[in-house]
Amino acid sequence: MSALRVTAALLAASAVLGLAACGETEQVVVYKQGKYQGKADSKPWDNPPLAYGGNDWTKGDKASWEKQINTRNLGQNEYRRIYNQ
């Protein structure tokens, strides 16, 4: 085979691959009316606490979960951390 034929074959192959790469498939989710197809969410206090950190709430106890969240939020308040030490 001559170099010209090899070059032409490579150009043709790259053109075919280049045009094939331009094709895009449709990425739209098809929803069914009234049907939720995802995973059902649970209440946050029904999950077990993390294994690390100072999580002092028990699984299934909404009041202790809310208390722990409020305590964590107070620790993230910069004004309270700086001026009300």
N, C-alpha and C. Protein backbone atom coordinates (compact mmCIF):
# COMPACT_ATOMS: atom_id res chain seq x y z
N MET A 1 0.84 -1.18 0.00
CA MET A 1 0.00 0.00 0.00
C MET A 1 0.88 1.24 0.00
N SER A 2 0.46 2.18 -0.71
CA SER A 2 1.26 3.39 -0.77
C SER A 2 0.92 4.28 0.41
N ALA A 3 1.78 5.22 0.66
CA ALA A 3 1.58 6.15 1.77
C ALA A 3 0.34 7.00 1.56
N LEU A 4 0.01 7.27 0.32
CA LEU A 4 -1.17 8.07 0.02
C LEU A 4 -2.45 7.32 0.42
N ARG A 5 -2.49 6.02 0.14
CA ARG A 5 -3.67 5.22 0.51
C ARG A 5 -3.81 5.10 2.03
N VAL A 6 -2.68 4.93 2.70
CA VAL A 6 -2.71 4.83 4.16
C VAL A 6 -3.20 6.14 4.76
N THR A 7 -2.71 7.24 4.25
CA THR A 7 -3.13 8.56 4.73
C THR A 7 -4.61 8.78 4.46
N ALA A 8 -5.08 8.39 3.28
CA ALA A 8 -6.49 8.56 2.95
C ALA A 8 -7.36 7.69 3.85
N ALA A 9 -6.92 6.47 4.13
CA ALA A 9 -7.68 5.59 5.00
C ALA A 9 -7.74 6.15 6.42
N LEU A 10 -6.63 6.69 6.91
CA LEU A 10 -6.62 7.29 8.25
C LEU A 10 -7.50 8.52 8.33
N LEU A 11 -7.49 9.33 7.30
CA LEU A 11 -8.35 10.51 7.27
C LEU A 11 -9.83 10.11 7.23
N ALA A 12 -10.15 9.10 6.44
CA ALA A 12 -11.54 8.64 6.37
C ALA A 12 -11.99 8.07 7.71
N ALA A 13 -11.12 7.28 8.36
CA ALA A 13 -11.46 6.71 9.66
C ALA A 13 -11.64 7.80 10.71
N SER A 14 -10.77 8.79 10.71
CA SER A 14 -10.89 9.88 11.69
C SER A 14 -12.13 10.71 11.42
N ALA A 15 -12.51 10.88 10.14
CA ALA A 15 -13.73 11.62 9.82
C ALA A 15 -14.96 10.87 10.32
N VAL A 16 -14.98 9.56 10.13
CA VAL A 16 -16.11 8.75 10.60
C VAL A 16 -16.20 8.80 12.12
N LEU A 17 -15.08 8.64 12.79
CA LEU A 17 -15.09 8.70 14.26
C LEU A 17 -15.46 10.09 14.76
N GLY A 18 -14.97 11.11 14.08
CA GLY A 18 -15.29 12.49 14.48
C GLY A 18 -16.76 12.78 14.35
N LEU A 19 -17.38 12.33 13.27
CA LEU A 19 -18.81 12.55 13.09
C LEU A 19 -19.63 11.71 14.06
N ALA A 20 -19.16 10.54 14.39
CA ALA A 20 -19.87 9.70 15.36
C ALA A 20 -19.83 10.32 16.75
N ALA A 21 -18.76 11.02 17.07
CA ALA A 21 -18.63 11.65 18.38
C ALA A 21 -19.55 12.85 18.52
N CYS A 22 -20.01 13.40 17.42
CA CYS A 22 -20.89 14.56 17.47
C CYS A 22 -22.32 14.19 17.82
N GLY A 23 -22.68 12.93 17.67
CA GLY A 23 -24.03 12.51 17.97
C GLY A 23 -24.29 12.55 19.47
N GLU A 24 -25.46 13.03 19.85
CA GLU A 24 -25.80 13.10 21.27
C GLU A 24 -27.15 12.45 21.48
N THR A 25 -27.21 11.55 22.43
CA THR A 25 -28.47 10.91 22.73
C THR A 25 -29.29 11.79 23.67
N GLU A 26 -30.58 11.64 23.62
CA GLU A 26 -31.46 12.45 24.46
C GLU A 26 -31.31 12.02 25.92
N GLN A 27 -31.16 13.00 26.81
CA GLN A 27 -30.90 12.71 28.22
C GLN A 27 -32.03 13.21 29.10
N VAL A 28 -33.24 13.13 28.63
CA VAL A 28 -34.40 13.62 29.38
C VAL A 28 -35.07 12.44 30.07
N VAL A 29 -35.39 12.63 31.34
CA VAL A 29 -36.06 11.59 32.11
C VAL A 29 -37.53 11.59 31.75
N VAL A 30 -38.09 10.43 31.55
CA VAL A 30 -39.51 10.31 31.25
C VAL A 30 -40.24 10.06 32.56
N TYR A 31 -41.09 11.00 32.94
CA TYR A 31 -41.85 10.89 34.18
C TYR A 31 -43.22 10.30 33.89
N LYS A 32 -43.65 9.45 34.78
CA LYS A 32 -45.00 8.91 34.68
C LYS A 32 -45.87 9.68 35.66
N GLN A 33 -47.01 10.14 35.20
CA GLN A 33 -47.89 10.97 36.00
C GLN A 33 -48.33 10.24 37.27
N GLY A 34 -48.06 10.84 38.40
CA GLY A 34 -48.48 10.29 39.68
C GLY A 34 -47.61 9.18 40.22
N LYS A 35 -46.51 8.89 39.57
CA LYS A 35 -45.63 7.80 40.01
C LYS A 35 -44.26 8.38 40.37
N TYR A 36 -43.82 8.15 41.59
CA TYR A 36 -42.48 8.55 42.02
C TYR A 36 -41.58 7.35 41.82
N GLN A 37 -40.53 7.53 41.01
CA GLN A 37 -39.69 6.41 40.66
C GLN A 37 -38.38 6.37 41.44
N GLY A 38 -38.20 7.29 42.36
CA GLY A 38 -36.96 7.33 43.13
C GLY A 38 -37.08 6.59 44.45
N LYS A 39 -36.04 6.72 45.25
CA LYS A 39 -36.01 6.09 46.56
C LYS A 39 -36.84 6.92 47.54
N ALA A 40 -37.61 6.29 48.33
CA ALA A 40 -38.42 7.00 49.32
C ALA A 40 -37.53 7.58 50.41
N ASP A 41 -37.81 8.81 50.80
CA ASP A 41 -37.03 9.46 51.84
C ASP A 41 -37.58 9.09 53.22
N SER A 42 -36.68 9.01 54.18
CA SER A 42 -37.09 8.76 55.55
C SER A 42 -36.90 10.05 56.35
N LYS A 43 -37.43 10.06 57.53
CA LYS A 43 -37.25 11.22 58.41
C LYS A 43 -35.81 11.27 58.88
N PRO A 44 -35.22 12.45 59.04
CA PRO A 44 -33.81 12.52 59.43
C PRO A 44 -33.53 11.90 60.79
N TRP A 45 -34.47 11.95 61.70
CA TRP A 45 -34.24 11.39 63.04
C TRP A 45 -34.41 9.87 63.06
N ASP A 46 -34.88 9.29 61.95
CA ASP A 46 -34.98 7.83 61.87
C ASP A 46 -33.67 7.19 61.43
N ASN A 47 -32.70 7.99 61.01
CA ASN A 47 -31.39 7.47 60.62
C ASN A 47 -30.50 7.35 61.85
N PRO A 48 -29.59 6.40 61.85
CA PRO A 48 -28.68 6.30 63.01
C PRO A 48 -27.69 7.47 63.02
N PRO A 49 -27.24 7.90 64.20
CA PRO A 49 -26.25 8.97 64.26
C PRO A 49 -24.94 8.52 63.64
N LEU A 50 -24.12 9.49 63.26
CA LEU A 50 -22.82 9.17 62.68
C LEU A 50 -21.93 8.51 63.72
N ALA A 51 -21.01 7.70 63.27
CA ALA A 51 -20.14 6.97 64.18
C ALA A 51 -19.11 7.88 64.84
N TYR A 52 -18.82 9.01 64.22
CA TYR A 52 -17.82 9.93 64.78
C TYR A 52 -18.52 11.22 65.21
N GLY A 53 -17.86 12.00 66.00
CA GLY A 53 -18.42 13.27 66.45
C GLY A 53 -19.22 13.11 67.73
N GLY A 54 -19.74 14.22 68.21
CA GLY A 54 -20.49 14.21 69.46
C GLY A 54 -21.98 14.12 69.25
N ASN A 55 -22.42 13.14 68.53
CA ASN A 55 -23.85 12.99 68.28
C ASN A 55 -24.51 12.35 69.49
N ASP A 56 -25.25 13.15 70.22
CA ASP A 56 -25.88 12.64 71.43
C ASP A 56 -27.39 12.49 71.24
N TRP A 57 -27.80 12.01 70.10
CA TRP A 57 -29.21 11.74 69.87
C TRP A 57 -29.39 10.27 69.53
N THR A 58 -30.59 9.79 69.74
CA THR A 58 -30.85 8.38 69.50
C THR A 58 -31.75 8.23 68.28
N LYS A 59 -31.62 7.14 67.60
CA LYS A 59 -32.38 6.88 66.38
C LYS A 59 -33.87 6.83 66.71
N GLY A 60 -34.66 7.59 65.95
CA GLY A 60 -36.11 7.60 66.13
C GLY A 60 -36.61 8.63 67.11
N ASP A 61 -35.74 9.34 67.81
CA ASP A 61 -36.16 10.33 68.80
C ASP A 61 -36.04 11.72 68.20
N LYS A 62 -37.18 12.29 67.79
CA LYS A 62 -37.19 13.58 67.11
C LYS A 62 -36.70 14.70 68.03
N ALA A 63 -37.10 14.68 69.29
CA ALA A 63 -36.73 15.75 70.22
C ALA A 63 -35.21 15.80 70.44
N SER A 64 -34.58 14.65 70.63
CA SER A 64 -33.12 14.66 70.84
C SER A 64 -32.39 15.03 69.56
N TRP A 65 -32.95 14.67 68.41
CA TRP A 65 -32.34 15.06 67.13
C TRP A 65 -32.40 16.58 66.95
N GLU A 66 -33.57 17.18 67.26
CA GLU A 66 -33.71 18.64 67.15
C GLU A 66 -32.77 19.35 68.12
N LYS A 67 -32.63 18.83 69.33
CA LYS A 67 -31.72 19.43 70.30
C LYS A 67 -30.29 19.39 69.80
N GLN A 68 -29.88 18.27 69.21
CA GLN A 68 -28.52 18.14 68.69
C GLN A 68 -28.30 19.09 67.53
N ILE A 69 -29.27 19.26 66.64
CA ILE A 69 -29.16 20.19 65.50
C ILE A 69 -29.06 21.62 66.01
N ASN A 70 -29.88 22.00 66.99
CA ASN A 70 -29.82 23.35 67.53
C ASN A 70 -28.48 23.62 68.20
N THR A 71 -27.95 22.65 68.92
CA THR A 71 -26.64 22.79 69.55
C THR A 71 -25.55 22.95 68.51
N ARG A 72 -25.63 22.17 67.45
CA ARG A 72 -24.65 22.29 66.37
C ARG A 72 -24.73 23.64 65.69
N ASN A 73 -25.95 24.15 65.48
CA ASN A 73 -26.12 25.46 64.86
C ASN A 73 -25.54 26.57 65.73
N LEU A 74 -25.67 26.45 67.04
CA LEU A 74 -25.09 27.46 67.92
C LEU A 74 -23.57 27.48 67.81
N GLY A 75 -22.97 26.34 67.61
CA GLY A 75 -21.52 26.27 67.45
C GLY A 75 -21.05 26.82 66.12
N GLN A 76 -21.95 26.95 65.15
CA GLN A 76 -21.59 27.48 63.84
C GLN A 76 -21.92 28.97 63.70
N ASN A 77 -22.47 29.57 64.74
CA ASN A 77 -22.81 30.99 64.72
C ASN A 77 -21.55 31.79 65.06
N GLU A 78 -20.97 32.48 64.10
CA GLU A 78 -19.71 33.20 64.30
C GLU A 78 -19.86 34.33 65.32
N TYR A 79 -20.99 35.03 65.29
CA TYR A 79 -21.18 36.12 66.22
C TYR A 79 -21.16 35.59 67.65
N ARG A 80 -21.85 34.51 67.87
CA ARG A 80 -21.90 33.93 69.22
C ARG A 80 -20.53 33.41 69.63
N ARG A 81 -19.80 32.82 68.70
CA ARG A 81 -18.49 32.26 69.02
C ARG A 81 -17.48 33.36 69.36
N ILE A 82 -17.59 34.50 68.73
CA ILE A 82 -16.59 35.56 68.94
C ILE A 82 -16.95 36.42 70.15
N TYR A 83 -18.19 36.89 70.23
CA TYR A 83 -18.54 37.90 71.22
C TYR A 83 -19.15 37.33 72.50
N ASN A 84 -19.67 36.14 72.47
CA ASN A 84 -20.32 35.59 73.66
C ASN A 84 -19.59 34.35 74.16
N GLN A 85 -18.32 34.44 74.31
CA GLN A 85 -17.57 33.27 74.73
C GLN A 85 -17.81 33.01 76.15
